[in-house]
Amino acid sequence: MRRGVVVPLTTEQIVTRALYLAGKATLDDLDEHIRRDPAELERMGYTSVKCPDLFYLLKQHNGGKDPTAPDPADRWSKPGEAFVNRTVDCSGGNAWMHGFDRYQPQRMPAYVGYDGWWNTDSKIIDAKGKAICFEPLPRPEPGCIVTCASCSPGHRVGHEGCVVAVHALEWDPTERTCWELVDVVDCAQRSPGKTNKMTTARGWFGTGAMFLRSTMTP
């Protein structure tokens, strides 16, 4: 598999990918960059045009490596077992929703310090620095990334998601209600349930979260 791929997506296509992960769109709704070979879908465990249940894994097998795949999860089995796991973390899910491989050794600036791997912390470092790959936004908008850093209030590990709708007419980041009026799709640790769901931005309230837009191009 070729690494470092970026595919061009419109805001609508990003939101559609997010809605697909949340079970609110189908494979047929996705953009032209997604592979739909029936044999591959069967191998990946697809039984319908809806996204299958995916499960959270932070280290290794954490997904987001192929923006042309039908979903962001890694498929893997433990030695000697036939069961196929489908796992991803929040950064892996967001990478796929936004059309880029999470591993970008050519695009990531050296000063970021993560050897090409985009995660919550490396995105924030870039956005607060020269903003080479991630542009900070003053408020949420559909298709953007919402992310907070590791060790922010309530988050031992940073967390991120994709904004799909903003219902707040005015934006005041100090008001919890404003965050509750932002719809987000994320891949969170919801054990034992599936990771890919829709939520709100409430979990990012008070964390110093940033809203980012990827500026990476093919």
C-alpha atoms as a PDB file:
ATOM      1  CA  MET A   1       0.000   0.000   0.000  1.00  0.00           C
ATOM      2  CA  ARG A   2       1.350   3.413  -0.976  1.00  0.00           C
ATOM      3  CA  ARG A   3       1.596   5.740   2.022  1.00  0.00           C
ATOM      4  CA  GLY A   4       1.135   9.507   2.272  1.00  0.00           C
ATOM      5  CA  VAL A   5      -1.881   9.645  -0.059  1.00  0.00           C
ATOM      6  CA  VAL A   6      -4.174  12.684  -0.027  1.00  0.00           C
ATOM      7  CA  VAL A   7      -7.390  12.842  -2.059  1.00  0.00           C
ATOM      8  CA  PRO A   8      -9.219  16.117  -2.790  1.00  0.00           C
ATOM      9  CA  LEU A   9     -12.562  16.356  -0.983  1.00  0.00           C
ATOM     10  CA  THR A  10     -15.166  19.099  -0.882  1.00  0.00           C
ATOM     11  CA  THR A  11     -16.790  20.076   2.403  1.00  0.00           C
ATOM     12  CA  GLU A  12     -19.907  18.165   1.357  1.00  0.00           C
ATOM     13  CA  GLN A  13     -17.863  15.026   0.657  1.00  0.00           C
ATOM     14  CA  ILE A  14     -16.125  15.261   4.039  1.00  0.00           C
ATOM     15  CA  VAL A  15     -19.459  15.604   5.820  1.00  0.00           C
ATOM     16  CA  THR A  16     -20.887  12.684   3.834  1.00  0.00           C
ATOM     17  CA  ARG A  17     -17.957  10.466   4.864  1.00  0.00           C
ATOM     18  CA  ALA A  18     -18.595  11.442   8.480  1.00  0.00           C
ATOM     19  CA  LEU A  19     -22.314  10.713   8.209  1.00  0.00           C
ATOM     20  CA  TYR A  20     -21.469   7.350   6.648  1.00  0.00           C
ATOM     21  CA  LEU A  21     -19.332   6.445   9.666  1.00  0.00           C
ATOM     22  CA  ALA A  22     -22.254   7.407  11.906  1.00  0.00           C
ATOM     23  CA  GLY A  23     -24.641   5.143   9.960  1.00  0.00           C
ATOM     24  CA  LYS A  24     -26.549   8.041   8.394  1.00  0.00           C
ATOM     25  CA  ALA A  25     -25.349   7.596   4.795  1.00  0.00           C
ATOM     26  CA  THR A  26     -24.539   4.614   2.594  1.00  0.00           C
ATOM     27  CA  LEU A  27     -21.569   3.436   0.571  1.00  0.00           C
ATOM     28  CA  ASP A  28     -23.402   4.625  -2.535  1.00  0.00           C
ATOM     29  CA  ASP A  29     -23.359   8.189  -1.181  1.00  0.00           C
ATOM     30  CA  LEU A  30     -19.584   8.342  -0.878  1.00  0.00           C
ATOM     31  CA  ASP A  31     -17.225  10.150  -3.252  1.00  0.00           C
ATOM     32  CA  GLU A  32     -15.564   8.724  -6.325  1.00  0.00           C
ATOM     33  CA  HIS A  33     -12.251   8.142  -4.526  1.00  0.00           C
ATOM     34  CA  ILE A  34     -13.680   5.239  -2.498  1.00  0.00           C
ATOM     35  CA  ARG A  35     -13.018   1.702  -3.764  1.00  0.00           C
ATOM     36  CA  ARG A  36     -16.162  -0.401  -4.131  1.00  0.00           C
ATOM     37  CA  ASP A  37     -14.922  -3.722  -5.498  1.00  0.00           C
ATOM     38  CA  PRO A  38     -17.438  -6.389  -4.338  1.00  0.00           C
ATOM     39  CA  ALA A  39     -14.740  -8.966  -3.622  1.00  0.00           C
ATOM     40  CA  GLU A  40     -12.795  -6.498  -1.466  1.00  0.00           C
ATOM     41  CA  LEU A  41     -15.941  -5.467   0.398  1.00  0.00           C
ATOM     42  CA  GLU A  42     -16.692  -9.124   1.140  1.00  0.00           C
ATOM     43  CA  ARG A  43     -13.167  -9.665   2.471  1.00  0.00           C
ATOM     44  CA  MET A  44     -13.610  -6.599   4.686  1.00  0.00           C
ATOM     45  CA  GLY A  45     -16.774  -8.040   6.231  1.00  0.00           C
ATOM     46  CA  TYR A  46     -19.344  -5.852   4.519  1.00  0.00           C
ATOM     47  CA  THR A  47     -22.857  -7.275   4.541  1.00  0.00           C
ATOM     48  CA  SER A  48     -24.735  -4.123   3.468  1.00  0.00           C
ATOM     49  CA  VAL A  49     -24.150  -0.646   2.055  1.00  0.00           C
ATOM     50  CA  LYS A  50     -23.919   0.744   5.599  1.00  0.00           C
ATOM     51  CA  CYS A  51     -20.610   1.177   7.405  1.00  0.00           C
ATOM     52  CA  PRO A  52     -19.948  -1.825   9.645  1.00  0.00           C
ATOM     53  CA  ASP A  53     -19.392  -1.434  13.373  1.00  0.00           C
ATOM     54  CA  LEU A  54     -15.809  -0.402  14.070  1.00  0.00           C
ATOM     55  CA  PHE A  55     -13.997  -0.633  17.396  1.00  0.00           C
ATOM     56  CA  TYR A  56     -11.521   1.588  19.191  1.00  0.00           C
ATOM     57  CA  LEU A  57      -7.811   0.844  19.428  1.00  0.00           C
ATOM     58  CA  LEU A  58      -5.258   3.521  20.238  1.00  0.00           C
ATOM     59  CA  LYS A  59      -1.950   1.753  19.595  1.00  0.00           C
ATOM     60  CA  GLN A  60      -1.142  -0.070  16.368  1.00  0.00           C
ATOM     61  CA  HIS A  61      -3.923  -1.146  14.058  1.00  0.00           C
ATOM     62  CA  ASN A  62      -5.409   2.309  14.662  1.00  0.00           C
ATOM     63  CA  GLY A  63      -6.620   2.943  11.128  1.00  0.00           C
ATOM     64  CA  GLY A  64      -6.625   5.989   8.914  1.00  0.00           C
ATOM     65  CA  LYS A  65      -3.940   4.752   6.551  1.00  0.00           C
ATOM     66  CA  ASP A  66      -5.857   4.648   3.251  1.00  0.00           C
ATOM     67  CA  PRO A  67      -8.261   7.455   2.277  1.00  0.00           C
ATOM     68  CA  THR A  68      -9.526   5.399  -0.671  1.00  0.00           C
ATOM     69  CA  ALA A  69     -10.670   2.468   1.502  1.00  0.00           C
ATOM     70  CA  PRO A  70     -14.411   1.971   2.194  1.00  0.00           C
ATOM     71  CA  ASP A  71     -13.855   2.874   5.871  1.00  0.00           C
ATOM     72  CA  PRO A  72     -10.916   3.896   8.104  1.00  0.00           C
ATOM     73  CA  ALA A  73     -10.446   0.688  10.114  1.00  0.00           C
ATOM     74  CA  ASP A  74      -7.488  -1.693  10.066  1.00  0.00           C
ATOM     75  CA  ARG A  75      -8.401  -5.363   9.567  1.00  0.00           C
ATOM     76  CA  TRP A  76      -6.214  -7.777  11.501  1.00  0.00           C
ATOM     77  CA  SER A  77      -6.264 -11.042  13.420  1.00  0.00           C
ATOM     78  CA  LYS A  78      -4.363 -12.263  16.447  1.00  0.00           C
ATOM     79  CA  PRO A  79      -1.864 -15.074  15.794  1.00  0.00           C
ATOM     80  CA  GLY A  80      -3.657 -18.383  15.449  1.00  0.00           C
ATOM     81  CA  GLU A  81      -7.126 -16.802  15.385  1.00  0.00           C
ATOM     82  CA  ALA A  82      -9.525 -16.495  12.468  1.00  0.00           C
ATOM     83  CA  PHE A  83     -11.570 -13.604  13.906  1.00  0.00           C
ATOM     84  CA  VAL A  84     -10.934 -10.357  12.018  1.00  0.00           C
ATOM     85  CA  ASN A  85     -10.803  -7.199  14.120  1.00  0.00           C
ATOM     86  CA  ARG A  86     -11.911  -3.826  12.706  1.00  0.00           C
ATOM     87  CA  THR A  87     -10.134  -1.141  14.713  1.00  0.00           C
ATOM     88  CA  VAL A  88      -9.466   2.595  14.523  1.00  0.00           C
ATOM     89  CA  ASP A  89      -8.802   5.539  16.818  1.00  0.00           C
ATOM     90  CA  CYS A  90     -10.029   9.134  16.628  1.00  0.00           C
ATOM     91  CA  SER A  91      -7.137  10.396  14.485  1.00  0.00           C
ATOM     92  CA  GLY A  92      -7.486   7.446  12.137  1.00  0.00           C
ATOM     93  CA  GLY A  93     -11.182   8.100  11.705  1.00  0.00           C
ATOM     94  CA  ASN A  94     -10.623  11.792  11.084  1.00  0.00           C
ATOM     95  CA  ALA A  95      -7.836  11.137   8.569  1.00  0.00           C
ATOM     96  CA  TRP A  96     -10.188   9.008   6.478  1.00  0.00           C
ATOM     97  CA  MET A  97     -13.081  11.473   6.794  1.00  0.00           C
ATOM     98  CA  HIS A  98     -10.813  14.266   5.544  1.00  0.00           C
ATOM     99  CA  GLY A  99      -9.172  12.267   2.760  1.00  0.00           C
ATOM    100  CA  PHE A 100      -5.590  11.848   3.908  1.00  0.00           C
ATOM    101  CA  ASP A 101      -3.290   9.101   5.153  1.00  0.00           C
ATOM    102  CA  ARG A 102      -2.406   9.845   8.783  1.00  0.00           C
ATOM    103  CA  TYR A 103       1.266   9.203   7.902  1.00  0.00           C
ATOM    104  CA  GLN A 104       2.652  12.187   5.989  1.00  0.00           C
ATOM    105  CA  PRO A 105       6.478  12.169   6.201  1.00  0.00           C
ATOM    106  CA  GLN A 106       6.832  14.450   3.171  1.00  0.00           C
ATOM    107  CA  ARG A 107       4.198  17.027   4.146  1.00  0.00           C
ATOM    108  CA  MET A 108       4.644  17.254   7.914  1.00  0.00           C
ATOM    109  CA  PRO A 109       7.111  20.014   8.881  1.00  0.00           C
ATOM    110  CA  ALA A 110      10.132  18.741  10.794  1.00  0.00           C
ATOM    111  CA  TYR A 111       9.501  21.148  13.679  1.00  0.00           C
ATOM    112  CA  VAL A 112       6.273  19.319  14.566  1.00  0.00           C
ATOM    113  CA  GLY A 113       8.376  16.422  15.814  1.00  0.00           C
ATOM    114  CA  TYR A 114       6.156  13.378  15.217  1.00  0.00           C
ATOM    115  CA  ASP A 115       8.085  11.757  12.350  1.00  0.00           C
ATOM    116  CA  GLY A 116       5.257  12.250   9.883  1.00  0.00           C
ATOM    117  CA  TRP A 117       2.384  10.940  12.022  1.00  0.00           C
ATOM    118  CA  TRP A 118      -0.661  13.187  12.396  1.00  0.00           C
ATOM    119  CA  ASN A 119      -2.486  12.899  15.686  1.00  0.00           C
ATOM    120  CA  THR A 120      -4.288  15.352  17.961  1.00  0.00           C
ATOM    121  CA  ASP A 121      -1.105  16.852  19.362  1.00  0.00           C
ATOM    122  CA  SER A 122       0.853  17.105  16.116  1.00  0.00           C
ATOM    123  CA  LYS A 123      -2.073  18.823  14.376  1.00  0.00           C
ATOM    124  CA  ILE A 124      -2.270  21.409  17.153  1.00  0.00           C
ATOM    125  CA  ILE A 125       1.497  22.030  17.077  1.00  0.00           C
ATOM    126  CA  ASP A 126       1.328  22.653  13.334  1.00  0.00           C
ATOM    127  CA  ALA A 127      -1.771  24.870  13.565  1.00  0.00           C
ATOM    128  CA  LYS A 128      -0.239  26.984  16.355  1.00  0.00           C
ATOM    129  CA  GLY A 129       3.039  27.222  14.470  1.00  0.00           C
ATOM    130  CA  LYS A 130       3.433  27.818  10.749  1.00  0.00           C
ATOM    131  CA  ALA A 131       0.116  26.114   9.880  1.00  0.00           C
ATOM    132  CA  ILE A 132       1.668  24.235   6.967  1.00  0.00           C
ATOM    133  CA  CYS A 133      -0.942  21.460   6.873  1.00  0.00           C
ATOM    134  CA  PHE A 134      -3.685  22.539   9.303  1.00  0.00           C
ATOM    135  CA  GLU A 135      -5.248  25.981   9.334  1.00  0.00           C
ATOM    136  CA  PRO A 136      -6.880  27.174  12.590  1.00  0.00           C
ATOM    137  CA  LEU A 137     -10.461  28.452  12.367  1.00  0.00           C
ATOM    138  CA  PRO A 138     -12.114  30.991  14.687  1.00  0.00           C
ATOM    139  CA  ARG A 139     -15.273  28.927  15.130  1.00  0.00           C
ATOM    140  CA  PRO A 140     -16.720  25.539  14.086  1.00  0.00           C
ATOM    141  CA  GLU A 141     -17.942  24.975  10.551  1.00  0.00           C
ATOM    142  CA  PRO A 142     -19.145  21.855   8.726  1.00  0.00           C
ATOM    143  CA  GLY A 143     -16.289  19.646   7.581  1.00  0.00           C
ATOM    144  CA  CYS A 144     -13.691  20.988   9.994  1.00  0.00           C
ATOM    145  CA  ILE A 145     -11.755  19.102  12.672  1.00  0.00           C
ATOM    146  CA  VAL A 146     -12.348  19.737  16.370  1.00  0.00           C
ATOM    147  CA  THR A 147      -9.429  18.611  18.504  1.00  0.00           C
ATOM    148  CA  CYS A 148      -7.963  18.969  21.972  1.00  0.00           C
ATOM    149  CA  ALA A 149      -4.477  18.103  23.153  1.00  0.00           C
ATOM    150  CA  SER A 150      -3.340  15.302  25.404  1.00  0.00           C
ATOM    151  CA  CYS A 151      -3.520  16.220  29.118  1.00  0.00           C
ATOM    152  CA  SER A 152      -6.167  18.876  28.489  1.00  0.00           C
ATOM    153  CA  PRO A 153      -8.966  18.890  31.104  1.00  0.00           C
ATOM    154  CA  GLY A 154     -10.684  15.487  31.099  1.00  0.00           C
ATOM    155  CA  HIS A 155      -8.422  14.050  28.405  1.00  0.00           C
ATOM    156  CA  ARG A 156      -5.341  12.021  29.285  1.00  0.00           C
ATOM    157  CA  VAL A 157      -5.009  11.427  25.544  1.00  0.00           C
ATOM    158  CA  GLY A 158      -6.111  14.063  23.048  1.00  0.00           C
ATOM    159  CA  HIS A 159      -9.313  13.577  21.121  1.00  0.00           C
ATOM    160  CA  GLU A 160     -10.699  14.774  17.797  1.00  0.00           C
ATOM    161  CA  GLY A 161     -13.756  14.516  15.587  1.00  0.00           C
ATOM    162  CA  CYS A 162     -15.338  15.924  12.438  1.00  0.00           C
ATOM    163  CA  VAL A 163     -17.934  18.695  12.657  1.00  0.00           C
ATOM    164  CA  VAL A 164     -20.959  17.878  10.489  1.00  0.00           C
ATOM    165  CA  ALA A 165     -23.408  20.647  11.491  1.00  0.00           C
ATOM    166  CA  VAL A 166     -23.441  23.844  13.549  1.00  0.00           C
ATOM    167  CA  HIS A 167     -26.818  24.834  14.989  1.00  0.00           C
ATOM    168  CA  ALA A 168     -25.595  27.748  17.120  1.00  0.00           C
ATOM    169  CA  LEU A 169     -26.370  31.082  15.438  1.00  0.00           C
ATOM    170  CA  GLU A 170     -23.753  32.856  17.550  1.00  0.00           C
ATOM    171  CA  TRP A 171     -20.487  31.352  18.751  1.00  0.00           C
ATOM    172  CA  ASP A 172     -19.206  31.917  22.271  1.00  0.00           C
ATOM    173  CA  PRO A 173     -16.617  29.287  23.267  1.00  0.00           C
ATOM    174  CA  THR A 174     -17.187  30.056  26.958  1.00  0.00           C
ATOM    175  CA  GLU A 175     -20.825  28.890  26.735  1.00  0.00           C
ATOM    176  CA  ARG A 176     -21.363  25.137  27.090  1.00  0.00           C
ATOM    177  CA  THR A 177     -24.654  25.400  25.179  1.00  0.00           C
ATOM    178  CA  CYS A 178     -22.818  26.528  22.040  1.00  0.00           C
ATOM    179  CA  TRP A 179     -20.709  23.349  22.073  1.00  0.00           C
ATOM    180  CA  GLU A 180     -23.820  21.233  22.576  1.00  0.00           C
ATOM    181  CA  LEU A 181     -25.249  22.735  19.367  1.00  0.00           C
ATOM    182  CA  VAL A 182     -22.369  21.411  17.250  1.00  0.00           C
ATOM    183  CA  ASP A 183     -22.860  17.921  15.759  1.00  0.00           C
ATOM    184  CA  VAL A 184     -19.689  15.831  15.576  1.00  0.00           C
ATOM    185  CA  VAL A 185     -18.843  12.363  14.279  1.00  0.00           C
ATOM    186  CA  ASP A 186     -15.894  10.745  16.024  1.00  0.00           C
ATOM    187  CA  CYS A 187     -14.256   7.429  16.788  1.00  0.00           C
ATOM    188  CA  ALA A 188     -14.123   7.354  20.577  1.00  0.00           C
ATOM    189  CA  GLN A 189     -13.504   4.708  23.213  1.00  0.00           C
ATOM    190  CA  ARG A 190     -17.037   3.430  23.737  1.00  0.00           C
ATOM    191  CA  SER A 191     -16.171  -0.077  24.879  1.00  0.00           C
ATOM    192  CA  PRO A 192     -17.814  -2.494  24.484  1.00  0.00           C
ATOM    193  CA  GLY A 193     -19.916  -0.640  21.906  1.00  0.00           C
ATOM    194  CA  LYS A 194     -18.842   0.435  18.452  1.00  0.00           C
ATOM    195  CA  THR A 195     -16.560   3.441  18.149  1.00  0.00           C
ATOM    196  CA  ASN A 196     -18.078   5.189  15.116  1.00  0.00           C
ATOM    197  CA  LYS A 197     -20.992   7.359  16.247  1.00  0.00           C
ATOM    198  CA  MET A 198     -22.442  10.855  16.142  1.00  0.00           C
ATOM    199  CA  THR A 199     -22.198  13.042  19.219  1.00  0.00           C
ATOM    200  CA  THR A 200     -21.899  16.749  20.018  1.00  0.00           C
ATOM    201  CA  ALA A 201     -18.899  18.953  20.707  1.00  0.00           C
ATOM    202  CA  ARG A 202     -19.776  19.103  24.407  1.00  0.00           C
ATOM    203  CA  GLY A 203     -16.862  16.825  25.286  1.00  0.00           C
ATOM    204  CA  TRP A 204     -14.433  19.437  23.953  1.00  0.00           C
ATOM    205  CA  PHE A 205     -15.882  22.273  26.063  1.00  0.00           C
ATOM    206  CA  GLY A 206     -13.306  23.708  28.446  1.00  0.00           C
ATOM    207  CA  THR A 207     -10.403  21.761  26.945  1.00  0.00           C
ATOM    208  CA  GLY A 208      -8.804  24.560  24.932  1.00  0.00           C
ATOM    209  CA  ALA A 209      -9.978  22.782  21.792  1.00  0.00           C
ATOM    210  CA  MET A 210      -9.186  24.112  18.342  1.00  0.00           C
ATOM    211  CA  PHE A 211     -11.106  23.979  15.078  1.00  0.00           C
ATOM    212  CA  LEU A 212      -8.870  23.124  12.128  1.00  0.00           C
ATOM    213  CA  ARG A 213      -9.064  22.764   8.372  1.00  0.00           C
ATOM    214  CA  SER A 214      -6.682  20.496   6.485  1.00  0.00           C
ATOM    215  CA  THR A 215      -4.856  22.360   3.707  1.00  0.00           C
ATOM    216  CA  MET A 216      -3.033  19.306   2.368  1.00  0.00           C
ATOM    217  CA  THR A 217      -3.439  18.684  -1.368  1.00  0.00           C
ATOM    218  CA  PRO A 218      -2.600  15.670  -3.568  1.00  0.00           C
END
